[in-house]
């Protein structure tokens, strides 16, 4: 049975995912079989495994750090918010149903056997399991329902806990001491190390505070992790990408940041390209005059389209399209571009609404979710992106809608389901003029796709974009994971951490 260590935080976005990922990489580099685990993840950024099952993107990133294939057992419960009070509940990669918060809290104890089974199965196959918590273990209003999220999971796994605080947002000493003090006595004993995360500057300045932490809590500080400027795939909408720079570069790409945006990591490849700006915008004044507008995936397509309609962004996109700007929709964004959207089963909010009318197709939301990995290529494209014709792609689909193209409509891509041996090729998406759409997530990940899009956008402006090339995205991610591990080795006491791991609770 594997040894386990759990990373908990004083709050959401304290850096638990990154610390857990770094430890996965370190343990792998040190020769151990290691796997990540997060019993319950709440995020709209998800992924489809080779078995066609859905899991949180953060655990995919951590699995890559560990050098193992993403497995739904690493994230048995995934909550995908559909509105401010409810979520779609996904268990072992498959949709259980939609529940509001109170309904889910009542149902949650029924999921303990599923969590335990997933964890024990992983633990039987590995040397070390790095477990990630969610939010804070000291949330008074949630503690009674903590069956398997923070301390509940630590008890199931018998895992010692490292508690992470975020110094970048201020008050890190109060965060750490306050969290420890609010724990029950048996929970407090499980916290074996404290970590100060996102520090900038001279570490010696912290020495008095570290001594105070250790004296007040009786728990050693096992690391002061720096604020890292690395590129890894973020877990949720707290990502700093959304509040990043809005500077317009030579080639400018704007992503509409809808309230229920999902799988925004689809667009990360453009961030690595010299002379290219990737901006997330949620109001007309921020849109400016981009060379391409992307409509991303969303967990509530109809509601997000109505949001765009109300705040003027839909009109701005329609105006840009009429002027020849390249418009590209992915998944929910693709659905918005069609003529109508209908929800007869109440999968979202029910009813029917008019789409943007930029693509000749109609979408009906179905009761069953499509979940599959795909590969293929762009079809014979027209318009500004015709140089993409025939370019290879791979990715995955996660959607509840079924889109039907009008007669004589032209698809965007030709794909086959890699989850089904011998699956036939099928057409996906639609195109019309300079407007394109597809259900395929990660459609831009292959270096050649991003390169050819930027080349096409540059050609329209009479620009030479030969030096604006992308990178092999998977190779780039591997380099970032190595940097993460190197920085944690330099700034955390690995001898103490291994000692905590060996001693257990």
Protein backbone atom coordinates (compact mmCIF):
# COMPACT_ATOMS: atom_id res chain seq x y z
CA UNK A 1 0.00 0.00 0.00
CA UNK A 2 1.33 3.44 -0.93
CA UNK A 3 2.46 6.05 1.55
CA UNK A 4 0.45 9.26 1.36
CA UNK A 5 0.92 12.95 1.96
CA UNK A 6 -1.84 15.56 1.70
CA UNK A 7 -1.59 19.19 0.64
CA UNK A 8 -4.24 21.43 2.17
CA UNK A 9 -4.54 25.21 1.99
CA UNK A 10 -5.68 28.11 4.10
CA UNK A 11 -8.01 29.19 1.28
CA UNK A 12 -8.84 28.53 -2.35
CA UNK A 13 -6.03 29.35 -4.76
CA UNK A 14 -3.35 29.24 -2.05
CA UNK A 15 -1.27 27.14 -4.44
CA UNK A 16 -2.20 23.60 -3.37
CA UNK A 17 -2.39 22.30 -6.94
CA UNK A 18 1.06 23.60 -7.83
CA UNK A 19 2.73 22.34 -4.65
CA UNK A 20 1.10 18.92 -5.13
CA UNK A 21 2.22 18.87 -8.77
CA UNK A 22 5.78 19.79 -7.82
CA UNK A 23 5.94 17.01 -5.23
CA UNK A 24 4.61 14.53 -7.81
CA UNK A 25 7.47 15.53 -10.11
CA UNK A 26 10.08 15.34 -7.35
CA UNK A 27 8.98 11.91 -6.16
CA UNK A 28 8.96 10.66 -9.74
CA UNK A 29 12.47 12.06 -10.32
CA UNK A 30 13.57 10.28 -7.17
CA UNK A 31 12.46 6.95 -8.60
CA UNK A 32 9.07 6.40 -6.98
CA UNK A 33 5.80 5.35 -8.60
CA UNK A 34 3.57 8.29 -7.72
CA UNK A 35 0.01 9.35 -8.48
CA UNK A 36 -2.04 12.45 -7.61
CA UNK A 37 -5.44 12.28 -5.96
CA UNK A 38 -8.18 14.80 -5.27
CA UNK A 39 -11.41 13.28 -4.01
CA UNK A 40 -13.61 16.22 -4.96
CA UNK A 41 -12.77 18.92 -7.43
CA UNK A 42 -14.98 21.88 -8.35
CA UNK A 43 -13.93 23.23 -11.72
CA UNK A 44 -15.17 23.92 -15.22
CA UNK A 45 -11.80 22.97 -16.68
CA UNK A 46 -12.07 19.24 -17.36
CA UNK A 47 -10.50 16.53 -19.51
CA UNK A 48 -11.51 13.25 -21.14
CA UNK A 49 -9.37 10.16 -20.42
CA UNK A 50 -8.56 7.46 -22.94
CA UNK A 51 -11.46 5.50 -21.45
CA UNK A 52 -13.87 8.33 -22.32
CA UNK A 53 -14.31 9.46 -18.71
CA UNK A 54 -14.28 13.04 -17.40
CA UNK A 55 -11.95 14.37 -14.71
CA UNK A 56 -10.56 17.68 -13.44
CA UNK A 57 -7.75 19.30 -15.42
CA UNK A 58 -5.58 19.95 -12.35
CA UNK A 59 -5.19 16.23 -11.70
CA UNK A 60 -4.32 15.72 -15.38
CA UNK A 61 -1.50 18.25 -14.95
CA UNK A 62 -0.36 16.49 -11.77
CA UNK A 63 -0.46 13.10 -13.52
CA UNK A 64 1.77 14.52 -16.25
CA UNK A 65 4.16 15.68 -13.53
CA UNK A 66 4.14 12.16 -12.14
CA UNK A 67 4.78 10.69 -15.58
CA UNK A 68 1.60 8.61 -15.63
CA UNK A 69 -1.52 8.45 -17.78
CA UNK A 70 -4.43 10.53 -16.38
CA UNK A 71 -6.89 8.21 -14.68
CA UNK A 72 -10.39 9.09 -13.46
CA UNK A 73 -9.54 7.40 -10.13
CA UNK A 74 -7.32 10.43 -9.44
CA UNK A 75 -10.46 12.62 -9.26
CA UNK A 76 -13.52 10.46 -8.54
CA UNK A 77 -15.88 13.40 -7.82
CA UNK A 78 -16.02 16.41 -10.14
CA UNK A 79 -18.47 19.27 -9.62
CA UNK A 80 -19.07 21.53 -12.62
CA UNK A 81 -21.03 24.65 -11.57
CA UNK A 82 -24.07 25.32 -13.76
CA UNK A 83 -25.17 28.45 -11.85
CA UNK A 84 -24.44 30.22 -8.57
CA UNK A 85 -26.13 27.56 -6.43
CA UNK A 86 -25.92 24.28 -8.34
CA UNK A 87 -23.53 21.94 -10.13
CA UNK A 88 -23.44 18.98 -12.43
CA UNK A 89 -22.16 16.09 -10.30
CA UNK A 90 -19.78 13.71 -12.08
CA UNK A 91 -18.86 10.46 -10.32
CA UNK A 92 -16.08 8.24 -11.64
CA UNK A 93 -16.10 10.22 -14.86
CA UNK A 94 -19.82 9.92 -15.62
CA UNK A 95 -22.68 12.34 -15.02
CA UNK A 96 -24.77 11.51 -11.93
CA UNK A 97 -27.04 14.54 -12.33
CA UNK A 98 -27.50 18.20 -11.40
CA UNK A 99 -27.84 19.13 -7.73
CA UNK A 100 -28.09 22.34 -5.76
CA UNK A 101 -25.72 22.80 -2.82
CA UNK A 102 -28.06 21.52 -0.10
CA UNK A 103 -29.10 18.51 -2.15
CA UNK A 104 -25.45 17.62 -2.78
CA UNK A 105 -24.49 17.97 0.89
CA UNK A 106 -27.31 15.57 1.80
CA UNK A 107 -26.21 13.09 -0.86
CA UNK A 108 -22.47 13.40 -0.24
CA UNK A 109 -22.10 10.58 2.37
CA UNK A 110 -23.31 8.13 -0.28
CA UNK A 111 -20.15 8.86 -2.24
CA UNK A 112 -17.70 7.84 0.49
CA UNK A 113 -17.45 4.24 -0.80
CA UNK A 114 -16.66 5.52 -4.32
CA UNK A 115 -13.91 7.79 -3.01
CA UNK A 116 -12.44 5.08 -0.82
CA UNK A 117 -12.50 2.55 -3.65
CA UNK A 118 -10.75 4.92 -6.07
CA UNK A 119 -8.10 5.87 -3.54
CA UNK A 120 -7.36 2.32 -2.40
CA UNK A 121 -7.10 1.12 -5.98
CA UNK A 122 -4.53 3.81 -6.80
CA UNK A 123 -2.66 3.20 -3.55
CA UNK A 124 -2.30 -0.50 -4.39
CA UNK A 125 -0.48 0.37 -7.62
CA UNK A 126 1.88 3.12 -6.42
CA UNK A 127 4.57 3.93 -3.87
CA UNK A 128 3.34 7.42 -3.02
CA UNK A 129 -0.01 9.20 -3.37
CA UNK A 130 0.02 13.02 -3.27
CA UNK A 131 -3.45 14.10 -2.16
CA UNK A 132 -4.81 17.60 -2.71
CA UNK A 133 -7.50 19.17 -0.55
CA UNK A 134 -10.05 21.79 -1.59
CA UNK A 135 -10.61 25.27 -0.17
CA UNK A 136 -9.76 25.33 3.53
CA UNK A 137 -10.14 22.63 6.21
CA UNK A 138 -11.33 25.30 8.64
CA UNK A 139 -14.50 26.46 6.87
CA UNK A 140 -16.95 26.25 9.76
CA UNK A 141 -20.01 26.08 7.50
CA UNK A 142 -18.56 23.14 5.55
CA UNK A 143 -16.76 21.10 8.20
CA UNK A 144 -19.75 18.92 9.05
CA UNK A 145 -19.99 17.87 5.40
CA UNK A 146 -16.27 17.16 5.00
CA UNK A 147 -16.61 13.44 4.34
CA UNK A 148 -13.63 13.28 1.99
CA UNK A 149 -12.52 16.76 0.97
CA UNK A 150 -9.90 17.88 3.50
CA UNK A 151 -9.46 16.30 6.92
CA UNK A 152 -12.08 13.69 6.09
CA UNK A 153 -9.85 12.47 3.24
CA UNK A 154 -6.69 12.71 5.36
CA UNK A 155 -8.32 10.35 7.85
CA UNK A 156 -9.46 7.91 5.14
CA UNK A 157 -5.92 7.76 3.74
CA UNK A 158 -4.06 8.08 7.04
CA UNK A 159 -2.15 10.94 5.41
CA UNK A 160 -0.05 13.56 7.19
CA UNK A 161 -0.93 17.09 6.06
CA UNK A 162 1.16 19.99 4.78
CA UNK A 163 -0.77 23.25 5.20
CA UNK A 164 -0.09 25.92 2.55
CA UNK A 165 -0.62 29.65 3.04
CA UNK A 166 -0.52 32.38 0.37
CA UNK A 167 1.76 35.26 1.35
CA UNK A 168 1.09 37.13 -1.90
CA UNK A 169 -2.42 38.02 -0.74
CA UNK A 170 -1.18 39.13 2.67
CA UNK A 171 -1.76 37.93 6.22
CA UNK A 172 -0.03 34.58 5.76
CA UNK A 173 0.88 34.21 9.46
CA UNK A 174 -2.73 34.80 10.49
CA UNK A 175 -3.86 32.44 7.73
CA UNK A 176 -1.72 29.57 8.97
CA UNK A 177 -2.13 30.08 12.73
CA UNK A 178 -5.85 30.81 12.39
CA UNK A 179 -6.45 27.69 10.30
CA UNK A 180 -4.56 25.48 12.74
CA UNK A 181 -6.40 26.97 15.72
CA UNK A 182 -9.81 26.36 14.12
CA UNK A 183 -9.12 22.66 13.60
CA UNK A 184 -10.30 20.00 16.00
CA UNK A 185 -7.58 18.57 18.25
CA UNK A 186 -7.31 15.29 16.30
CA UNK A 187 -7.15 17.23 13.03
CA UNK A 188 -4.48 19.58 14.36
CA UNK A 189 -2.28 16.60 15.15
CA UNK A 190 -2.42 15.54 11.50
CA UNK A 191 -0.81 18.79 10.30
CA UNK A 192 2.88 17.94 10.20
CA UNK A 193 4.28 20.85 8.20
CA UNK A 194 3.54 24.46 7.18
CA UNK A 195 4.40 25.98 3.80
CA UNK A 196 4.52 29.68 2.95
CA UNK A 197 3.76 30.00 -0.75
CA UNK A 198 4.20 32.70 -3.45
CA UNK A 199 6.98 34.60 -1.64
CA UNK A 200 8.91 37.37 -3.38
CA UNK A 201 12.09 38.86 -1.99
CA UNK A 202 14.70 38.08 0.65
CA UNK A 203 13.63 35.03 2.63
CA UNK A 204 15.62 36.05 5.72
CA UNK A 205 13.07 38.82 6.30
CA UNK A 206 10.62 36.07 7.21
CA UNK A 207 12.79 34.46 9.88
CA UNK A 208 11.05 36.11 12.89
CA UNK A 209 7.65 35.15 11.50
CA UNK A 210 8.74 31.58 10.86
CA UNK A 211 10.00 31.26 14.44
CA UNK A 212 6.67 32.59 15.68
CA UNK A 213 4.73 30.14 13.52
CA UNK A 214 6.71 27.19 14.80
CA UNK A 215 6.50 28.32 18.45
CA UNK A 216 2.77 29.10 18.36
CA UNK A 217 1.71 26.02 16.41
CA UNK A 218 4.33 23.47 17.38
CA UNK A 219 4.50 22.58 13.67
CA UNK A 220 7.67 23.03 11.58
CA UNK A 221 7.77 25.29 8.53
CA UNK A 222 9.00 22.96 5.80
CA UNK A 223 9.24 25.45 2.98
CA UNK A 224 8.98 28.98 1.67
CA UNK A 225 8.06 28.50 -1.97
CA UNK A 226 8.72 31.42 -4.33
CA UNK A 227 6.23 33.14 -6.58
CA UNK A 228 6.84 31.13 -9.73
CA UNK A 229 6.55 32.60 -13.22
CA UNK A 230 5.90 29.30 -14.93
CA UNK A 231 3.20 28.19 -17.34
CA UNK A 232 1.09 25.25 -16.22
CA UNK A 233 -2.57 24.56 -16.88
CA UNK A 234 -4.74 26.23 -14.27
CA UNK A 235 -7.53 24.56 -12.35
CA UNK A 236 -10.35 27.05 -12.29
CA UNK A 237 -11.60 30.58 -12.92
CA UNK A 238 -9.28 32.04 -10.29
CA UNK A 239 -6.53 31.79 -12.90
CA UNK A 240 -4.36 34.86 -13.23
CA UNK A 241 -4.73 34.64 -17.00
CA UNK A 242 -8.05 36.43 -16.70
CA UNK A 243 -6.55 39.42 -14.93
CA UNK A 244 -3.34 39.44 -16.95
CA UNK A 245 -2.03 41.99 -19.39
CA UNK A 246 -4.37 43.55 -21.93
CA UNK A 247 -1.58 44.89 -24.14
CA UNK A 248 -2.27 44.41 -27.82
CA UNK A 249 0.56 42.78 -29.80
CA UNK A 250 1.18 42.61 -33.55
CA UNK A 251 -1.24 39.69 -33.83
CA UNK A 252 -4.10 40.11 -31.37
CA UNK A 253 -6.48 37.34 -30.30
CA UNK A 254 -9.40 38.07 -27.96
CA UNK A 255 -11.23 35.36 -26.02
CA UNK A 256 -14.71 36.24 -24.77
CA UNK A 257 -14.66 35.55 -21.04
CA UNK A 258 -18.21 34.36 -20.40
CA UNK A 259 -19.42 33.83 -16.81
CA UNK A 260 -19.37 30.00 -17.19
CA UNK A 261 -16.24 29.75 -19.36
CA UNK A 262 -14.77 26.25 -19.41
CA UNK A 263 -11.62 24.62 -20.75
CA UNK A 264 -9.90 27.95 -21.30
CA UNK A 265 -6.61 26.04 -21.43
CA UNK A 266 -7.59 25.34 -25.06
CA UNK A 267 -5.98 28.65 -25.96
CA UNK A 268 -2.71 28.40 -24.02
CA UNK A 269 -0.60 27.59 -27.12
CA UNK A 270 -1.09 31.14 -28.40
CA UNK A 271 0.40 32.54 -25.18
CA UNK A 272 3.80 31.05 -26.05
CA UNK A 273 4.08 32.79 -29.41
CA UNK A 274 6.28 35.82 -29.88
CA UNK A 275 4.39 38.88 -31.12
CA UNK A 276 0.97 37.39 -30.28
CA UNK A 277 -1.37 38.69 -27.57
CA UNK A 278 -4.08 36.48 -26.08
CA UNK A 279 -6.54 38.61 -24.12
CA UNK A 280 -9.62 37.58 -22.11
CA UNK A 281 -12.36 40.21 -22.34
CA UNK A 282 -15.76 40.48 -20.70
CA UNK A 283 -16.94 43.91 -21.85
CA UNK A 284 -17.19 45.72 -25.16
CA UNK A 285 -14.70 48.40 -24.16
CA UNK A 286 -11.98 45.74 -23.77
CA UNK A 287 -12.55 44.06 -27.12
CA UNK A 288 -10.82 46.69 -29.29
CA UNK A 289 -10.03 45.44 -32.84
CA UNK A 290 -8.58 41.93 -32.57
CA UNK A 291 -7.44 39.87 -35.53
CA UNK A 292 -9.39 36.87 -34.24
CA UNK A 293 -12.18 36.49 -31.69
CA UNK A 294 -12.61 33.16 -29.92
CA UNK A 295 -15.85 32.06 -28.29
CA UNK A 296 -14.80 29.44 -25.71
CA UNK A 297 -16.54 26.48 -24.16
CA UNK A 298 -19.09 27.14 -21.44
CA UNK A 299 -21.06 25.09 -18.93
CA UNK A 300 -24.24 27.03 -19.72
CA UNK A 301 -24.30 27.98 -23.39
CA UNK A 302 -27.74 29.59 -23.54
CA UNK A 303 -27.31 31.65 -20.38
CA UNK A 304 -23.85 32.86 -21.46
CA UNK A 305 -25.18 33.79 -24.90
CA UNK A 306 -27.95 35.83 -23.25
CA UNK A 307 -25.27 37.48 -21.09
CA UNK A 308 -23.37 38.46 -24.26
CA UNK A 309 -26.62 39.71 -25.77
CA UNK A 310 -27.36 41.90 -22.76
CA UNK A 311 -23.91 43.46 -22.34
CA UNK A 312 -23.37 44.22 -26.03
CA UNK A 313 -20.63 41.68 -26.75
CA UNK A 314 -22.82 39.69 -29.14
CA UNK A 315 -23.45 42.82 -31.22
CA UNK A 316 -19.73 43.59 -31.16
CA UNK A 317 -18.88 40.08 -32.38
CA UNK A 318 -21.50 40.31 -35.14
CA UNK A 319 -20.11 43.66 -36.25
CA UNK A 320 -16.56 42.27 -36.28
CA UNK A 321 -17.72 39.25 -38.30
CA UNK A 322 -19.41 41.53 -40.86
CA UNK A 323 -16.11 43.38 -41.25
CA UNK A 324 -14.22 40.15 -41.95
CA UNK A 325 -12.65 39.46 -38.55
CA UNK A 326 -11.94 35.76 -38.00
CA UNK A 327 -14.39 34.26 -35.49
CA UNK A 328 -13.70 30.82 -34.01
CA UNK A 329 -16.06 29.00 -31.64
CA UNK A 330 -15.13 25.95 -29.56
CA UNK A 331 -17.80 23.67 -28.06
CA UNK A 332 -20.33 26.00 -26.36
CA UNK A 333 -18.89 28.90 -28.34
CA UNK A 334 -19.52 26.92 -31.53
CA UNK A 335 -23.12 26.31 -30.45
CA UNK A 336 -23.66 30.04 -29.91
CA UNK A 337 -22.62 30.76 -33.51
CA UNK A 338 -25.51 28.70 -34.94
CA UNK A 339 -29.02 29.74 -35.85
CA UNK A 340 -30.97 28.29 -32.92
CA UNK A 341 -30.39 26.59 -29.55
CA UNK A 342 -33.13 24.41 -28.05
CA UNK A 343 -33.31 22.72 -24.65
CA UNK A 344 -36.47 20.57 -24.60
CA UNK A 345 -35.27 18.41 -21.68
CA UNK A 346 -34.20 21.29 -19.43
CA UNK A 347 -30.52 20.27 -19.54
CA UNK A 348 -29.61 23.94 -19.06
CA UNK A 349 -32.54 26.29 -18.48
CA UNK A 350 -35.09 24.91 -20.94
CA UNK A 351 -36.76 26.64 -23.87
CA UNK A 352 -35.27 27.86 -27.12
CA UNK A 353 -33.34 30.96 -28.15
CA UNK A 354 -31.97 32.43 -31.33
CA UNK A 355 -28.25 31.96 -31.92
CA UNK A 356 -25.88 34.47 -33.49
CA UNK A 357 -26.74 33.16 -36.95
CA UNK A 358 -23.14 33.11 -38.16
CA UNK A 359 -23.05 29.36 -38.87
CA UNK A 360 -25.69 27.30 -40.75
CA UNK A 361 -26.64 24.83 -38.02
CA UNK A 362 -29.02 24.21 -35.13
CA UNK A 363 -28.27 22.79 -31.66
CA UNK A 364 -30.53 20.72 -29.43
CA UNK A 365 -29.37 19.87 -25.91
CA UNK A 366 -29.63 16.16 -25.15
CA UNK A 367 -29.79 14.22 -21.90
CA UNK A 368 -26.61 12.25 -22.54
CA UNK A 369 -23.16 13.84 -22.49
CA UNK A 370 -20.72 13.18 -25.34
CA UNK A 371 -17.30 12.29 -23.90
CA UNK A 372 -14.60 11.11 -26.26
CA UNK A 373 -11.01 11.53 -27.37
CA UNK A 374 -10.57 12.27 -31.07
CA UNK A 375 -7.95 12.77 -33.76
CA UNK A 376 -8.20 13.85 -37.36
CA UNK A 377 -7.60 16.93 -39.47
CA UNK A 378 -9.13 20.16 -40.68
CA UNK A 379 -11.29 19.76 -43.77
CA UNK A 380 -11.15 21.89 -46.89
CA UNK A 381 -11.47 25.32 -45.29
CA UNK A 382 -12.56 28.50 -46.99
CA UNK A 383 -11.94 32.08 -45.95
CA UNK A 384 -9.01 33.49 -44.00
CA UNK A 385 -7.93 30.18 -42.44
CA UNK A 386 -7.86 28.14 -45.67
CA UNK A 387 -4.15 27.41 -45.05
CA UNK A 388 -5.30 25.15 -42.18
CA UNK A 389 -6.87 22.72 -44.65
CA UNK A 390 -5.65 19.17 -43.98
CA UNK A 391 -3.69 20.10 -40.83
CA UNK A 392 -3.70 17.31 -38.23
CA UNK A 393 -5.46 17.79 -34.89
CA UNK A 394 -6.16 15.80 -31.74
CA UNK A 395 -8.25 16.59 -28.70
CA UNK A 396 -11.44 15.61 -26.94
CA UNK A 397 -15.15 16.38 -26.85
CA UNK A 398 -17.31 17.13 -23.78
CA UNK A 399 -20.78 18.44 -24.57
CA UNK A 400 -24.48 17.87 -24.01
CA UNK A 401 -25.67 19.38 -27.30
CA UNK A 402 -26.18 17.79 -30.71
CA UNK A 403 -25.66 20.18 -33.63
CA UNK A 404 -27.25 19.54 -37.02
CA UNK A 405 -25.88 21.32 -40.09
CA UNK A 406 -28.11 22.78 -42.74
CA UNK A 407 -28.08 21.19 -46.20
CA UNK A 408 -24.84 21.97 -48.09
CA UNK A 409 -23.14 23.34 -44.95
CA UNK A 410 -19.39 22.70 -44.83
CA UNK A 411 -17.83 20.99 -41.76
CA UNK A 412 -14.67 22.32 -40.13
CA UNK A 413 -12.87 19.09 -39.23
CA UNK A 414 -12.88 15.35 -39.98
CA UNK A 415 -12.28 13.26 -36.86
CA UNK A 416 -12.51 9.72 -35.52
CA UNK A 417 -13.18 8.51 -31.99
CA UNK A 418 -9.93 7.10 -30.55
CA UNK A 419 -11.87 5.52 -27.66
CA UNK A 420 -13.50 3.10 -30.12
CA UNK A 421 -11.29 0.71 -32.07
CA UNK A 422 -11.94 0.95 -35.79
CA UNK A 423 -14.29 3.92 -35.41
CA UNK A 424 -15.36 5.51 -38.69
CA UNK A 425 -14.41 9.05 -39.59
CA UNK A 426 -17.08 11.68 -39.00
CA UNK A 427 -17.52 15.36 -39.76
CA UNK A 428 -17.57 17.95 -36.99
CA UNK A 429 -18.18 21.66 -36.74
CA UNK A 430 -19.19 24.13 -39.40
CA UNK A 431 -17.65 27.03 -41.31
CA UNK A 432 -18.94 29.95 -43.29
CA UNK A 433 -16.80 32.79 -44.62
CA UNK A 434 -14.35 33.74 -41.89
CA UNK A 435 -16.42 32.06 -39.14
CA UNK A 436 -15.43 28.60 -37.89
CA UNK A 437 -16.60 26.28 -35.15
CA UNK A 438 -15.88 22.83 -33.70
CA UNK A 439 -16.71 20.70 -30.69
CA UNK A 440 -13.06 19.62 -30.34
CA UNK A 441 -11.22 20.91 -27.28
CA UNK A 442 -7.40 21.27 -27.54
CA UNK A 443 -7.85 21.86 -31.28
CA UNK A 444 -5.00 24.42 -31.20
CA UNK A 445 -2.52 22.31 -29.22
CA UNK A 446 -0.51 20.98 -32.14
CA UNK A 447 2.25 23.44 -33.02
CA UNK A 448 1.38 23.51 -36.72
CA UNK A 449 -2.23 24.60 -36.03
CA UNK A 450 -1.32 27.69 -34.00
CA UNK A 451 1.51 28.55 -36.41
CA UNK A 452 -0.78 28.44 -39.45
CA UNK A 453 -3.49 30.51 -37.78
CA UNK A 454 -0.99 33.24 -36.89
CA UNK A 455 0.49 33.03 -40.39
CA UNK A 456 -2.98 33.53 -41.90
CA UNK A 457 -3.80 36.44 -39.59
CA UNK A 458 -0.46 38.07 -40.39
CA UNK A 459 -0.92 37.65 -44.13
CA UNK A 460 -4.17 39.61 -43.95
CA UNK A 461 -2.20 42.51 -42.44
CA UNK A 462 0.73 42.20 -44.83
CA UNK A 463 3.00 41.04 -42.00
CA UNK A 464 5.85 38.56 -42.02
CA UNK A 465 5.10 36.17 -39.14
CA UNK A 466 7.91 33.69 -39.80
CA UNK A 467 9.46 34.44 -36.40
CA UNK A 468 6.11 34.14 -34.56
CA UNK A 469 6.30 30.39 -34.26
CA UNK A 470 4.83 28.28 -31.51
CA UNK A 471 6.32 25.43 -29.54
CA UNK A 472 5.66 21.74 -29.17
CA UNK A 473 3.19 22.21 -26.35
CA UNK A 474 3.77 18.88 -24.59
CA UNK A 475 7.55 19.38 -24.62
CA UNK A 476 7.06 22.90 -23.27
CA UNK A 477 4.86 21.63 -20.43
CA UNK A 478 7.46 19.03 -19.46
CA UNK A 479 10.10 21.75 -19.20
CA UNK A 480 7.82 23.79 -16.93
CA UNK A 481 7.24 20.79 -14.65
CA UNK A 482 10.99 20.35 -14.31
CA UNK A 483 11.41 24.02 -13.40
CA UNK A 484 8.67 23.66 -10.79
CA UNK A 485 10.40 20.65 -9.22
CA UNK A 486 13.78 22.40 -9.26
CA UNK A 487 12.40 25.47 -7.48
CA UNK A 488 10.62 23.40 -4.82
CA UNK A 489 13.79 21.37 -4.20
CA UNK A 490 15.66 24.63 -3.68
CA UNK A 491 13.10 26.17 -1.34
CA UNK A 492 11.54 23.30 0.59
CA UNK A 493 13.10 20.96 3.13
CA UNK A 494 12.78 17.66 1.27
CA UNK A 495 14.50 15.78 4.08
CA UNK A 496 11.74 16.87 6.48
CA UNK A 497 9.04 16.14 3.92
CA UNK A 498 10.33 12.62 3.32
CA UNK A 499 10.50 12.19 7.09
CA UNK A 500 6.85 13.28 7.39
CA UNK A 501 5.89 10.91 4.59
CA UNK A 502 7.69 7.98 6.24
CA UNK A 503 6.32 8.68 9.73
CA UNK A 504 2.73 9.04 8.60
CA UNK A 505 0.17 10.05 11.24
